[in-house]
N, C-alpha and C. Protein backbone atom coordinates (compact mmCIF):
# COMPACT_ATOMS: atom_id res chain seq x y z
N MET A 1 -102.04 55.21 125.09
CA MET A 1 -102.46 55.87 124.74
C MET A 1 -102.34 56.56 123.17
N SER A 2 -103.21 57.03 122.18
CA SER A 2 -102.85 57.40 121.29
C SER A 2 -103.76 59.10 120.75
N LEU A 3 -103.13 59.70 119.73
CA LEU A 3 -103.12 61.23 119.91
C LEU A 3 -103.11 61.44 118.25
N GLY A 4 -103.47 61.64 117.98
CA GLY A 4 -103.63 62.04 116.02
C GLY A 4 -103.99 63.32 115.62
N THR A 5 -102.98 63.91 114.84
CA THR A 5 -103.04 65.34 114.40
C THR A 5 -102.80 65.36 112.71
N ASP A 6 -102.91 66.51 112.14
CA ASP A 6 -103.10 67.01 110.55
C ASP A 6 -102.03 67.68 110.92
N LYS A 7 -100.91 67.21 110.15
CA LYS A 7 -99.67 68.10 110.41
C LYS A 7 -99.86 69.35 110.13
N ASN A 8 -100.25 69.72 109.17
CA ASN A 8 -100.48 71.24 108.95
C ASN A 8 -101.58 71.88 109.66
N LYS A 9 -101.99 71.41 110.80
CA LYS A 9 -102.79 71.86 112.11
C LYS A 9 -101.45 72.36 113.08
N VAL A 10 -100.09 72.26 112.61
CA VAL A 10 -99.21 73.07 113.98
C VAL A 10 -98.14 73.36 113.24
N ARG A 11 -97.44 74.45 113.87
CA ARG A 11 -96.33 75.41 112.77
C ARG A 11 -95.42 74.68 112.37
N ASN A 12 -94.95 73.43 113.33
CA ASN A 12 -93.85 72.74 112.61
C ASN A 12 -93.89 71.39 113.63
N PHE A 13 -93.00 70.31 112.80
CA PHE A 13 -92.41 69.65 113.95
C PHE A 13 -92.45 69.80 115.20
N GLN A 14 -90.98 70.21 115.36
CA GLN A 14 -90.15 71.06 116.44
C GLN A 14 -91.52 71.20 117.62
N GLU A 15 -92.46 72.29 117.01
CA GLU A 15 -93.31 72.23 118.09
C GLU A 15 -94.26 70.88 118.35
N PHE A 16 -94.58 70.26 117.79
CA PHE A 16 -95.04 69.26 118.30
C PHE A 16 -94.27 67.97 119.06
N LEU A 17 -93.38 68.19 118.63
CA LEU A 17 -92.34 67.31 119.20
C LEU A 17 -92.31 67.90 120.42
N SER A 18 -91.64 68.62 120.97
CA SER A 18 -91.84 69.59 122.02
C SER A 18 -92.81 69.47 122.94
N PHE A 19 -94.11 69.81 122.43
CA PHE A 19 -94.72 68.96 123.46
C PHE A 19 -95.19 67.53 123.44
N ILE A 20 -94.66 66.98 122.70
CA ILE A 20 -94.70 65.44 123.10
C ILE A 20 -93.60 64.87 124.16
N LYS A 21 -92.78 65.54 123.85
CA LYS A 21 -91.67 65.61 125.31
C LYS A 21 -91.51 65.82 126.35
N TYR A 22 -92.27 67.23 126.54
CA TYR A 22 -92.88 67.52 127.59
C TYR A 22 -94.11 66.43 128.47
N PHE A 23 -94.88 65.90 127.30
CA PHE A 23 -95.92 65.02 128.25
C PHE A 23 -95.09 64.02 128.74
N GLN A 24 -93.95 63.42 127.94
CA GLN A 24 -93.42 62.19 128.55
C GLN A 24 -92.77 62.61 129.35
N LEU A 25 -92.30 63.71 130.02
CA LEU A 25 -91.53 63.91 131.16
C LEU A 25 -92.28 63.95 132.15
N GLN A 26 -93.81 64.26 132.30
CA GLN A 26 -94.95 64.61 132.81
C GLN A 26 -95.56 63.68 133.80
N ARG A 27 -95.40 62.23 132.39
CA ARG A 27 -95.77 60.95 133.00
C ARG A 27 -95.82 60.75 134.44
N LYS A 28 -96.42 60.01 135.08
CA LYS A 28 -96.19 59.26 136.36
C LYS A 28 -96.17 58.01 136.48
N ASP A 29 -96.42 57.45 134.79
CA ASP A 29 -96.96 56.08 134.56
C ASP A 29 -96.94 56.11 133.14
N ASN A 30 -95.47 54.86 133.11
CA ASN A 30 -94.66 54.69 132.10
C ASN A 30 -95.13 53.52 131.84
N GLN A 31 -96.05 52.35 132.13
CA GLN A 31 -95.97 51.48 131.56
C GLN A 31 -96.49 51.18 130.55
N GLY A 32 -97.46 52.05 129.95
CA GLY A 32 -97.63 51.74 129.01
C GLY A 32 -97.53 52.42 127.32
N ASP A 33 -97.70 52.07 126.14
CA ASP A 33 -96.89 52.98 124.93
C ASP A 33 -97.74 54.44 124.82
N ASP A 34 -97.08 55.16 123.99
CA ASP A 34 -98.00 56.28 124.06
C ASP A 34 -97.70 56.86 122.06
N LEU A 35 -99.07 56.21 121.52
CA LEU A 35 -98.81 56.64 120.14
C LEU A 35 -99.21 58.15 119.44
N TYR A 36 -97.93 58.65 118.56
CA TYR A 36 -98.81 60.37 118.10
C TYR A 36 -98.75 60.13 116.76
N VAL A 37 -99.76 60.70 116.12
CA VAL A 37 -99.69 60.42 114.54
C VAL A 37 -99.96 61.78 113.92
N PHE A 38 -99.16 61.88 113.07
CA PHE A 38 -99.16 63.13 111.65
C PHE A 38 -99.50 62.69 110.12
N SER A 39 -100.49 63.24 110.02
CA SER A 39 -101.14 62.73 108.72
C SER A 39 -100.29 63.90 107.54
N HIS A 40 -100.70 63.53 106.59
CA HIS A 40 -100.37 64.72 105.27
C HIS A 40 -98.96 64.81 105.42
N VAL A 41 -98.06 63.90 105.78
CA VAL A 41 -96.64 64.20 105.65
C VAL A 41 -95.56 63.48 104.71
N SER A 42 -94.92 64.83 104.14
CA SER A 42 -93.87 64.53 102.89
C SER A 42 -92.88 64.03 103.28
N TRP A 43 -92.25 62.55 102.24
CA TRP A 43 -91.04 61.48 102.23
C TRP A 43 -90.06 62.93 102.93
N THR A 44 -89.74 64.20 101.80
CA THR A 44 -88.68 64.84 102.53
C THR A 44 -88.75 65.14 104.22
N GLU A 45 -90.06 65.55 104.90
CA GLU A 45 -90.19 65.69 106.07
C GLU A 45 -89.63 64.85 106.70
N TYR A 46 -90.20 63.22 106.29
CA TYR A 46 -90.41 62.54 107.18
C TYR A 46 -88.50 62.25 107.39
N GLU A 47 -87.82 62.47 105.86
CA GLU A 47 -86.20 62.17 105.91
C GLU A 47 -85.75 63.12 106.96
N ASN A 48 -85.92 64.07 106.83
CA ASN A 48 -85.73 65.78 107.82
C ASN A 48 -85.93 65.93 109.43
N LEU A 49 -86.92 64.51 109.45
CA LEU A 49 -86.91 64.21 111.17
C LEU A 49 -85.82 63.15 111.39
N LEU A 50 -85.98 62.23 110.32
CA LEU A 50 -84.95 61.18 110.94
C LEU A 50 -83.78 61.94 110.94
N ALA A 51 -83.09 62.90 109.87
CA ALA A 51 -82.11 63.53 110.32
C ALA A 51 -81.63 64.29 111.44
N ASP A 52 -82.72 64.57 112.37
CA ASP A 52 -82.61 65.50 113.17
C ASP A 52 -82.92 64.76 114.67
N GLN A 53 -83.01 63.20 114.85
CA GLN A 53 -83.53 62.33 115.24
C GLN A 53 -82.78 62.45 116.84
N LYS A 54 -81.88 63.43 117.22
CA LYS A 54 -81.06 63.06 118.30
C LYS A 54 -82.13 63.96 119.52
N ASP A 55 -82.89 64.83 119.19
CA ASP A 55 -84.30 65.15 120.20
C ASP A 55 -85.24 64.00 120.79
N ILE A 56 -85.30 63.35 119.50
CA ILE A 56 -86.61 62.42 120.00
C ILE A 56 -85.80 60.51 119.67
N SER A 57 -84.63 60.60 120.70
CA SER A 57 -84.33 59.38 120.19
C SER A 57 -84.91 58.22 121.69
N TRP A 58 -85.67 58.70 122.18
CA TRP A 58 -86.84 58.18 123.07
C TRP A 58 -87.36 57.39 122.55
N CYS A 59 -87.77 57.57 120.96
CA CYS A 59 -89.02 57.27 120.38
C CYS A 59 -88.82 56.25 119.03
N ARG A 60 -89.82 55.48 118.53
CA ARG A 60 -89.40 54.83 117.38
C ARG A 60 -90.42 55.47 116.45
N ILE A 61 -89.92 55.58 115.08
CA ILE A 61 -90.79 56.57 113.88
C ILE A 61 -91.12 55.17 112.68
N ALA A 62 -92.38 55.67 112.59
CA ALA A 62 -92.66 54.80 110.94
C ALA A 62 -93.49 55.37 109.89
N TYR A 63 -93.51 54.89 108.86
CA TYR A 63 -94.04 56.20 107.57
C TYR A 63 -94.47 55.18 106.61
N LEU A 64 -95.90 55.28 106.17
CA LEU A 64 -96.07 54.63 105.01
C LEU A 64 -97.36 55.72 104.68
N GLU A 65 -97.01 56.07 103.37
CA GLU A 65 -98.11 56.62 102.13
C GLU A 65 -98.44 58.12 102.83
N GLY A 66 -97.64 59.17 103.97
CA GLY A 66 -97.90 60.26 104.09
C GLY A 66 -98.35 60.08 105.51
N LEU A 67 -98.15 59.01 106.43
CA LEU A 67 -98.67 58.98 107.83
C LEU A 67 -97.66 58.41 108.55
N LEU A 68 -97.48 59.45 109.73
CA LEU A 68 -96.37 59.09 109.89
C LEU A 68 -96.60 59.16 111.62
N GLU A 69 -95.83 58.20 112.20
CA GLU A 69 -96.15 57.59 113.71
C GLU A 69 -94.86 57.65 114.74
N ILE A 70 -95.11 57.96 115.74
CA ILE A 70 -94.72 58.68 116.52
C ILE A 70 -94.78 58.17 118.02
N MET A 71 -93.68 56.54 118.57
CA MET A 71 -94.14 55.85 119.66
C MET A 71 -93.26 56.07 120.45
N ALA A 72 -93.82 56.20 121.61
CA ALA A 72 -92.83 56.39 122.99
C ALA A 72 -93.34 54.95 123.32
N PRO A 73 -92.29 54.30 123.67
CA PRO A 73 -92.46 52.50 124.59
C PRO A 73 -92.61 52.74 125.51
N GLY A 74 -93.65 52.01 126.53
CA GLY A 74 -93.72 51.93 127.75
C GLY A 74 -92.85 50.84 128.22
N ARG A 75 -92.52 50.86 129.64
CA ARG A 75 -91.97 49.54 130.35
C ARG A 75 -92.64 48.51 130.21
N ASN A 76 -93.58 48.06 129.85
CA ASN A 76 -93.93 46.81 129.28
C ASN A 76 -93.75 46.06 128.10
N HIS A 77 -93.76 47.34 126.98
CA HIS A 77 -93.34 47.11 125.68
C HIS A 77 -91.51 46.81 125.65
N GLU A 78 -90.26 47.50 126.04
CA GLU A 78 -89.14 47.11 126.20
C GLU A 78 -88.87 45.94 126.97
N ARG A 79 -90.06 45.79 127.99
CA ARG A 79 -89.29 44.08 128.41
C ARG A 79 -89.47 43.16 127.98
N ILE A 80 -90.71 43.48 127.31
CA ILE A 80 -91.00 42.32 125.93
C ILE A 80 -90.07 42.19 125.07
N LYS A 81 -89.73 43.17 124.55
CA LYS A 81 -88.72 43.39 123.06
C LYS A 81 -87.31 42.46 123.56
N GLU A 82 -87.03 43.50 124.84
CA GLU A 82 -85.63 42.59 125.64
C GLU A 82 -85.92 40.87 125.65
N LEU A 83 -87.07 40.62 126.16
CA LEU A 83 -87.30 39.23 126.97
C LEU A 83 -87.24 38.31 125.42
N ILE A 84 -87.75 38.53 124.67
CA ILE A 84 -87.78 38.32 123.08
C ILE A 84 -86.13 37.72 122.43
N GLY A 85 -85.23 39.19 122.62
CA GLY A 85 -84.36 39.13 121.86
C GLY A 85 -83.13 38.22 122.58
N GLY A 86 -83.47 38.34 123.95
CA GLY A 86 -82.62 37.41 125.24
C GLY A 86 -82.92 35.94 124.36
N LEU A 87 -84.15 35.71 124.19
CA LEU A 87 -84.52 34.27 123.49
C LEU A 87 -83.59 33.75 122.80
N ILE A 88 -83.96 34.52 121.59
CA ILE A 88 -83.38 34.75 120.42
C ILE A 88 -81.43 34.15 120.22
N ILE A 89 -81.33 35.03 121.22
CA ILE A 89 -79.84 34.95 121.55
C ILE A 89 -79.08 33.65 121.97
N ALA A 90 -79.98 33.05 122.79
CA ALA A 90 -79.49 31.87 123.71
C ALA A 90 -79.88 30.90 122.70
N TYR A 91 -81.37 30.88 121.94
CA TYR A 91 -81.65 29.67 120.88
C TYR A 91 -79.98 29.90 119.88
N CYS A 92 -80.03 30.79 119.54
CA CYS A 92 -78.37 30.73 118.23
C CYS A 92 -77.41 30.10 118.92
N ASP A 93 -77.50 30.80 120.26
CA ASP A 93 -75.81 30.36 121.14
C ASP A 93 -75.88 28.97 121.51
N GLU A 94 -77.14 28.00 121.69
CA GLU A 94 -77.38 26.77 121.90
C GLU A 94 -77.33 25.66 120.44
N LYS A 95 -77.77 26.38 119.97
CA LYS A 95 -77.49 25.80 117.97
C LYS A 95 -76.59 26.08 117.61
N GLU A 96 -75.77 27.17 118.15
CA GLU A 96 -74.40 27.49 116.97
C GLU A 96 -74.77 28.12 115.60
N ILE A 97 -75.60 28.79 115.96
CA ILE A 97 -76.48 29.80 114.65
C ILE A 97 -75.70 31.06 114.74
N ASP A 98 -74.81 31.50 113.94
CA ASP A 98 -74.52 32.94 113.98
C ASP A 98 -75.42 33.84 113.82
N TYR A 99 -75.51 35.01 113.96
CA TYR A 99 -76.59 35.69 114.32
C TYR A 99 -76.01 37.42 114.29
N PHE A 100 -76.40 38.00 113.55
CA PHE A 100 -76.03 39.74 113.48
C PHE A 100 -77.09 40.27 114.38
N SER A 101 -77.09 41.42 114.76
CA SER A 101 -78.32 42.01 115.82
C SER A 101 -78.48 43.69 114.77
N PHE A 102 -79.56 43.81 114.34
CA PHE A 102 -80.07 45.45 113.54
C PHE A 102 -80.33 46.43 114.51
N GLY A 103 -80.71 45.75 116.02
CA GLY A 103 -81.18 46.92 116.78
C GLY A 103 -82.52 47.07 116.31
N SER A 104 -82.90 48.27 116.56
CA SER A 104 -83.76 49.49 115.86
C SER A 104 -83.37 49.95 114.55
N THR A 105 -82.61 49.61 114.26
CA THR A 105 -82.04 50.29 113.04
C THR A 105 -83.21 50.23 111.62
N THR A 106 -83.49 52.26 111.55
CA THR A 106 -84.33 52.33 110.50
C THR A 106 -84.65 51.31 109.29
N LEU A 107 -85.15 51.45 109.04
CA LEU A 107 -85.33 50.09 107.43
C LEU A 107 -86.41 51.33 106.85
N LYS A 108 -86.02 51.78 105.22
CA LYS A 108 -86.54 52.49 104.57
C LYS A 108 -86.13 52.45 102.97
N ASN A 109 -87.61 52.44 102.27
CA ASN A 109 -87.35 52.55 100.71
C ASN A 109 -88.24 53.80 100.14
N GLU A 110 -87.85 54.91 99.87
CA GLU A 110 -88.45 56.01 99.10
C GLU A 110 -89.41 55.80 98.01
N ARG A 111 -88.63 54.48 97.16
CA ARG A 111 -89.69 54.07 95.97
C ARG A 111 -91.23 53.43 96.59
N SER A 112 -90.74 52.62 97.53
CA SER A 112 -92.32 52.23 98.17
C SER A 112 -92.79 53.05 99.59
N ASN A 113 -92.45 54.24 99.61
CA ASN A 113 -93.10 55.16 100.61
C ASN A 113 -93.13 54.62 102.02
N VAL A 114 -92.05 54.09 102.27
CA VAL A 114 -92.61 53.22 103.64
C VAL A 114 -90.93 53.63 104.31
N GLY A 115 -91.11 53.47 105.63
CA GLY A 115 -90.14 53.39 106.52
C GLY A 115 -90.27 53.14 107.75
N LYS A 116 -89.57 52.16 108.81
CA LYS A 116 -89.82 51.65 109.79
C LYS A 116 -88.74 51.61 110.77
N GLU A 117 -89.07 51.29 112.46
CA GLU A 117 -87.99 51.32 113.00
C GLU A 117 -88.17 49.89 113.59
N PRO A 118 -88.14 48.79 113.93
CA PRO A 118 -88.68 47.89 114.39
C PRO A 118 -88.29 47.43 116.40
N ASP A 119 -88.80 46.91 116.62
CA ASP A 119 -88.27 46.47 118.00
C ASP A 119 -87.15 46.24 118.44
N THR A 120 -86.62 45.33 117.27
CA THR A 120 -84.85 44.64 117.47
C THR A 120 -85.16 43.82 115.97
N SER A 121 -84.21 43.52 115.77
CA SER A 121 -84.22 42.64 114.58
C SER A 121 -83.13 42.16 114.03
N TYR A 122 -82.98 40.92 113.69
CA TYR A 122 -81.51 40.15 113.40
C TYR A 122 -81.36 39.82 111.78
N ALA A 123 -79.86 39.59 111.82
CA ALA A 123 -79.99 38.73 110.49
C ALA A 123 -79.27 37.20 110.98
N ILE A 124 -79.26 36.43 109.98
CA ILE A 124 -79.21 35.04 110.38
C ILE A 124 -78.25 34.58 109.65
N GLY A 125 -76.99 33.90 110.29
CA GLY A 125 -76.05 33.25 109.09
C GLY A 125 -75.36 33.77 108.73
N MET A 126 -75.19 34.90 108.27
CA MET A 126 -74.41 35.96 107.93
C MET A 126 -74.73 37.70 107.78
N ASP A 127 -74.11 38.39 107.82
CA ASP A 127 -74.60 39.66 107.97
C ASP A 127 -75.24 40.34 106.48
N LYS A 128 -76.05 40.86 106.54
CA LYS A 128 -77.14 41.08 105.45
C LYS A 128 -77.39 42.89 105.07
N GLU A 129 -78.14 43.54 104.29
CA GLU A 129 -78.46 44.61 103.91
C GLU A 129 -79.60 44.73 104.94
N LEU A 130 -80.31 43.81 105.09
CA LEU A 130 -81.37 43.47 105.57
C LEU A 130 -81.78 42.90 106.74
N PRO A 131 -82.19 43.09 107.87
CA PRO A 131 -82.51 42.01 108.79
C PRO A 131 -83.37 40.47 108.10
N ASP A 132 -83.22 39.46 108.47
CA ASP A 132 -84.28 38.28 108.18
C ASP A 132 -85.42 38.27 109.26
N ILE A 133 -85.03 38.98 110.47
CA ILE A 133 -86.39 38.57 111.44
C ILE A 133 -86.45 39.68 111.87
N VAL A 134 -87.94 40.49 112.40
CA VAL A 134 -87.90 41.49 112.95
C VAL A 134 -88.80 41.10 114.03
N ILE A 135 -88.82 42.12 115.30
CA ILE A 135 -90.09 41.71 116.54
C ILE A 135 -90.34 42.99 116.12
N GLU A 136 -91.78 42.96 116.61
CA GLU A 136 -92.69 44.03 117.14
C GLU A 136 -93.47 43.72 117.69
N VAL A 137 -93.40 44.63 119.10
CA VAL A 137 -94.17 44.41 119.98
C VAL A 137 -95.56 45.61 119.87
N ASN A 138 -96.77 45.25 119.63
CA ASN A 138 -97.87 46.17 119.55
C ASN A 138 -98.60 46.40 120.59
N GLN A 139 -98.62 47.42 121.61
CA GLN A 139 -99.50 47.60 122.52
C GLN A 139 -100.54 48.52 121.78
N THR A 140 -100.01 49.29 121.04
CA THR A 140 -100.88 50.48 120.63
C THR A 140 -101.74 50.62 119.56
N SER A 141 -100.55 49.83 118.65
CA SER A 141 -100.56 50.53 116.93
C SER A 141 -101.23 48.73 116.46
N GLY A 142 -101.58 49.01 115.23
CA GLY A 142 -102.21 47.81 114.35
C GLY A 142 -101.19 47.00 113.93
N SER A 143 -101.40 45.45 114.22
CA SER A 143 -100.48 44.45 113.32
C SER A 143 -100.53 44.57 111.65
N ILE A 144 -101.42 45.12 111.28
CA ILE A 144 -101.81 44.78 109.72
C ILE A 144 -100.71 45.58 109.37
N ASN A 145 -101.15 47.09 109.73
CA ASN A 145 -100.39 48.08 109.09
C ASN A 145 -98.60 48.22 108.92
N ASP A 146 -98.46 47.66 110.32
CA ASP A 146 -96.86 46.77 110.53
C ASP A 146 -96.37 45.98 109.26
N LEU A 147 -97.41 44.96 109.57
CA LEU A 147 -97.57 43.82 108.58
C LEU A 147 -97.30 44.75 106.55
N GLU A 148 -98.01 45.57 106.69
CA GLU A 148 -97.65 46.26 105.51
C GLU A 148 -96.49 46.91 104.80
N LYS A 149 -96.13 47.54 106.09
CA LYS A 149 -94.72 47.99 106.14
C LYS A 149 -93.27 47.16 106.06
N TYR A 150 -93.43 46.26 106.90
CA TYR A 150 -92.57 45.00 106.57
C TYR A 150 -92.27 44.50 105.10
N GLN A 151 -93.85 44.45 104.43
CA GLN A 151 -94.25 43.50 103.07
C GLN A 151 -93.34 44.49 102.37
N ARG A 152 -93.69 45.70 102.14
CA ARG A 152 -92.74 47.06 101.23
C ARG A 152 -91.30 46.64 101.62
N LEU A 153 -90.93 46.30 102.75
CA LEU A 153 -89.53 46.33 102.64
C LEU A 153 -88.94 45.19 102.31
N GLY A 154 -89.65 44.02 102.26
CA GLY A 154 -89.16 42.82 101.89
C GLY A 154 -88.57 41.95 102.83
N ILE A 155 -88.97 42.43 104.04
CA ILE A 155 -88.59 41.51 105.19
C ILE A 155 -89.07 40.20 105.46
N GLU A 156 -88.52 39.21 105.38
CA GLU A 156 -88.96 37.81 105.25
C GLU A 156 -89.79 36.94 106.33
N GLU A 157 -89.51 37.45 107.73
CA GLU A 157 -89.99 37.04 109.00
C GLU A 157 -90.27 38.23 110.19
N VAL A 158 -91.09 37.94 110.21
CA VAL A 158 -91.88 38.78 111.47
C VAL A 158 -92.67 38.50 112.55
N TRP A 159 -91.97 38.76 113.95
CA TRP A 159 -92.82 37.94 114.94
C TRP A 159 -93.33 39.18 115.61
N ILE A 160 -94.71 39.19 116.20
CA ILE A 160 -95.69 40.04 116.55
C ILE A 160 -96.27 39.62 117.46
N TRP A 161 -96.06 40.54 118.65
CA TRP A 161 -96.67 40.11 120.33
C TRP A 161 -97.50 41.37 120.57
N ASP A 162 -98.61 40.37 120.52
CA ASP A 162 -99.97 41.92 120.32
C ASP A 162 -100.48 41.91 121.97
N HIS A 163 -101.65 43.07 122.01
CA HIS A 163 -102.00 43.32 122.72
C HIS A 163 -103.03 42.18 124.00
N ASN A 164 -102.66 41.10 123.49
CA ASN A 164 -103.48 40.13 124.30
C ASN A 164 -102.36 39.36 124.71
N ASN A 165 -100.82 39.51 124.48
CA ASN A 165 -99.91 38.88 125.13
C ASN A 165 -100.05 37.32 123.73
N ASN A 166 -100.08 37.61 122.62
CA ASN A 166 -99.63 36.30 122.08
C ASN A 166 -98.96 36.38 121.01
N LEU A 167 -98.02 35.28 120.52
CA LEU A 167 -96.65 36.06 119.58
C LEU A 167 -97.11 35.00 118.04
N GLU A 168 -97.03 36.05 117.29
CA GLU A 168 -97.46 35.36 116.07
C GLU A 168 -96.04 35.34 115.14
N PHE A 169 -95.68 34.38 114.63
CA PHE A 169 -94.64 34.29 113.21
C PHE A 169 -95.19 34.49 111.75
N TYR A 170 -95.02 35.76 110.98
CA TYR A 170 -95.48 36.03 109.87
C TYR A 170 -94.06 35.76 109.06
N ILE A 171 -94.71 34.91 107.79
CA ILE A 171 -93.60 34.56 107.07
C ILE A 171 -94.20 35.05 105.55
N LEU A 172 -93.04 35.61 104.72
CA LEU A 172 -93.30 36.09 103.81
C LEU A 172 -93.18 35.39 102.28
N ILE A 173 -94.55 35.11 101.91
CA ILE A 173 -94.32 34.08 100.54
C ILE A 173 -94.88 34.52 99.58
N ASN A 174 -94.65 34.64 97.73
CA ASN A 174 -95.39 35.38 97.17
C ASN A 174 -95.25 36.61 97.68
N ASP A 175 -95.07 37.37 98.10
CA ASP A 175 -95.26 38.74 98.35
C ASP A 175 -96.35 39.06 99.52
N GLN A 176 -96.57 38.07 99.89
CA GLN A 176 -97.56 38.28 101.41
C GLN A 176 -97.29 37.42 102.14
N TYR A 177 -97.72 37.77 103.49
CA TYR A 177 -97.58 37.13 104.88
C TYR A 177 -98.29 36.16 105.24
N ALA A 178 -97.99 35.18 105.48
CA ALA A 178 -98.96 33.83 106.08
C ALA A 178 -98.40 33.35 107.70
N LYS A 179 -99.01 33.47 108.21
CA LYS A 179 -99.13 32.63 109.64
C LYS A 179 -98.45 31.55 109.57
N SER A 180 -97.43 31.70 110.66
CA SER A 180 -96.22 29.91 110.51
C SER A 180 -96.53 29.65 112.00
N PRO A 181 -96.61 28.57 112.51
CA PRO A 181 -96.27 28.24 113.73
C PRO A 181 -94.83 28.19 113.74
N LYS A 182 -93.86 28.05 113.30
CA LYS A 182 -92.28 27.91 113.31
C LYS A 182 -91.55 28.97 112.45
N SER A 183 -90.27 28.98 112.99
CA SER A 183 -89.77 30.14 112.41
C SER A 183 -89.17 29.69 111.26
N LYS A 184 -88.96 30.46 110.02
CA LYS A 184 -88.15 29.67 108.65
C LYS A 184 -86.73 29.97 108.90
N PHE A 185 -86.12 30.82 109.87
CA PHE A 185 -84.68 31.07 110.29
C PHE A 185 -84.14 30.27 110.67
N LEU A 186 -84.69 30.43 111.93
CA LEU A 186 -84.30 29.25 113.10
C LEU A 186 -84.30 27.73 113.56
N ASN A 187 -84.29 27.42 112.47
CA ASN A 187 -84.36 25.84 112.69
C ASN A 187 -85.81 25.48 113.23
N ASN A 188 -87.13 25.90 112.75
CA ASN A 188 -88.36 25.81 113.06
C ASN A 188 -88.26 25.94 114.51
N LEU A 189 -88.05 26.47 115.49
CA LEU A 189 -88.30 27.28 116.54
C LEU A 189 -89.79 27.88 116.40
N GLU A 190 -90.43 27.29 117.90
CA GLU A 190 -91.80 27.41 117.52
C GLU A 190 -91.83 28.63 118.13
N SER A 191 -93.35 29.40 117.84
CA SER A 191 -94.02 30.66 118.43
C SER A 191 -94.22 30.34 119.72
N ASN A 192 -95.08 29.42 120.15
CA ASN A 192 -95.78 28.88 121.32
C ASN A 192 -94.58 28.56 122.24
N MET A 193 -93.20 28.02 122.08
CA MET A 193 -92.61 27.76 122.58
C MET A 193 -91.69 29.09 123.11
N VAL A 194 -91.42 30.31 122.35
CA VAL A 194 -90.85 31.50 122.67
C VAL A 194 -92.15 32.22 123.47
N GLN A 195 -93.23 32.24 123.06
CA GLN A 195 -94.66 32.73 123.78
C GLN A 195 -94.30 32.50 125.23
N LYS A 196 -94.19 31.24 125.31
CA LYS A 196 -94.43 30.29 126.72
C LYS A 196 -92.79 30.94 127.76
N TYR A 197 -92.09 30.77 127.31
CA TYR A 197 -90.69 31.11 128.16
C TYR A 197 -90.44 32.76 128.14
N VAL A 198 -91.52 33.70 127.48
CA VAL A 198 -91.54 34.83 127.73
C VAL A 198 -92.38 35.35 128.75
N GLU A 199 -93.22 34.83 129.09
CA GLU A 199 -94.11 34.36 130.24
C GLU A 199 -93.39 34.33 131.60
N LEU A 200 -92.80 32.96 131.19
CA LEU A 200 -92.03 32.70 132.33
C LEU A 200 -90.91 33.69 133.50
N MET A 201 -90.67 34.24 132.12
CA MET A 201 -89.24 35.17 132.52
C MET A 201 -90.10 36.76 132.98
N LYS A 202 -91.12 36.62 132.62
CA LYS A 202 -92.05 38.01 133.04
C LYS A 202 -92.24 37.80 134.85
N GLY A 203 -92.56 36.58 135.13
CA GLY A 203 -92.95 36.40 136.39
C GLY A 203 -91.91 35.74 137.20
N GLN A 204 -90.49 34.72 137.38
CA GLN A 204 -89.76 34.45 137.58
C GLN A 204 -88.19 34.90 137.85
N GLY A 205 -88.01 35.76 136.07
CA GLY A 205 -86.75 36.58 135.81
C GLY A 205 -86.44 35.80 134.40
N GLU A 206 -85.26 36.50 134.30
CA GLU A 206 -84.57 36.31 132.83
C GLU A 206 -83.47 34.60 133.00
N ARG A 207 -82.93 34.85 134.54
CA ARG A 207 -81.95 33.71 134.43
C ARG A 207 -82.71 32.23 134.37
N ILE A 208 -83.71 32.21 135.44
CA ILE A 208 -84.70 31.06 135.57
C ILE A 208 -85.16 30.86 134.32
N GLY A 209 -85.60 31.54 133.47
CA GLY A 209 -86.23 31.22 132.30
C GLY A 209 -85.52 31.02 131.10
N LYS A 210 -84.38 31.28 131.53
CA LYS A 210 -83.36 30.90 129.90
C LYS A 210 -82.91 29.58 130.10
N LYS A 211 -82.60 29.24 131.32
CA LYS A 211 -82.10 28.07 131.60
C LYS A 211 -83.47 26.98 131.19
N GLU A 212 -84.74 27.28 131.65
CA GLU A 212 -85.34 26.16 131.23
C GLU A 212 -85.93 25.85 129.69
N PHE A 213 -85.44 27.73 128.98
CA PHE A 213 -85.85 27.87 127.86
C PHE A 213 -85.09 26.62 127.26
N ILE A 214 -83.36 26.62 127.46
CA ILE A 214 -82.62 26.02 127.25
C ILE A 214 -82.49 24.18 127.42
N LYS A 215 -82.94 24.20 128.72
CA LYS A 215 -83.57 22.70 128.75
C LYS A 215 -84.34 21.95 128.14
N ALA A 216 -85.26 22.87 127.38
CA ALA A 216 -86.58 22.56 126.85
C ALA A 216 -86.03 21.85 125.25
N ILE A 217 -85.14 23.18 124.78
CA ILE A 217 -84.46 23.10 123.62
C ILE A 217 -83.68 21.53 123.50
N LYS A 218 -82.92 21.41 124.89
CA LYS A 218 -82.47 19.91 124.25
C LYS A 218 -83.16 19.25 124.09
N THR A 219 -84.54 18.85 125.27
CA THR A 219 -85.25 17.77 125.43
C THR A 219 -85.81 17.45 124.32
N LYS A 220 -86.10 18.25 123.50
CA LYS A 220 -87.03 18.88 122.03
C LYS A 220 -86.18 18.18 121.07
N ALA A 221 -84.80 17.88 120.96
CA ALA A 221 -83.78 17.92 120.08
C ALA A 221 -83.68 16.69 120.52
N GLU A 222 -83.77 15.77 121.72
CA GLU A 222 -83.34 14.31 121.96
C GLU A 222 -85.06 14.06 121.28
N GLU A 223 -86.12 14.01 121.10
CA GLU A 223 -87.30 13.28 120.96
C GLU A 223 -86.79 12.69 119.25
């Protein structure tokens, strides 16, 4: 579900957030995502909201040029995020690649007027100020806006799982994203391989899925 409003039509953020929180508690079906949008929000208001985020720890917040998005992820969203992250960790462990988890750490740049909380994210090889890879599960919002946010933040690799259950890798080249069948940071790991084993884990469970994923990695290394 998506709900939009002009910030000036409500008395304050707390009034709107109280409504969102009440709505979430009343939901009987938590499978899908809910997206709430404010327009005409200043950077200061965005930062104040982040500072008081204890009341909305259940959601993810994004900001771009005065547009504030508050997304409450559903069960399917969270599950896909965990499955993709699990495969990244399994791959790094198998290939002995060092990785550093950023989770949903808020990434923001006031000069570029942008802020974003990825579903999960990782630095590869060594700990860094920004993650190398961010994961986005897009059940409601458009991937184009997400890519614009990450481009302004300077994120080099973005994985997007869309509402059609397709996984795409985007690599930042000359300040623009280009689709890539392979990961830049994970030794050419292929997007279709990750997608295949996410789907397998959705049906057969994570233990079996990861076991088959590792087996496929080893087979590919021997080719």
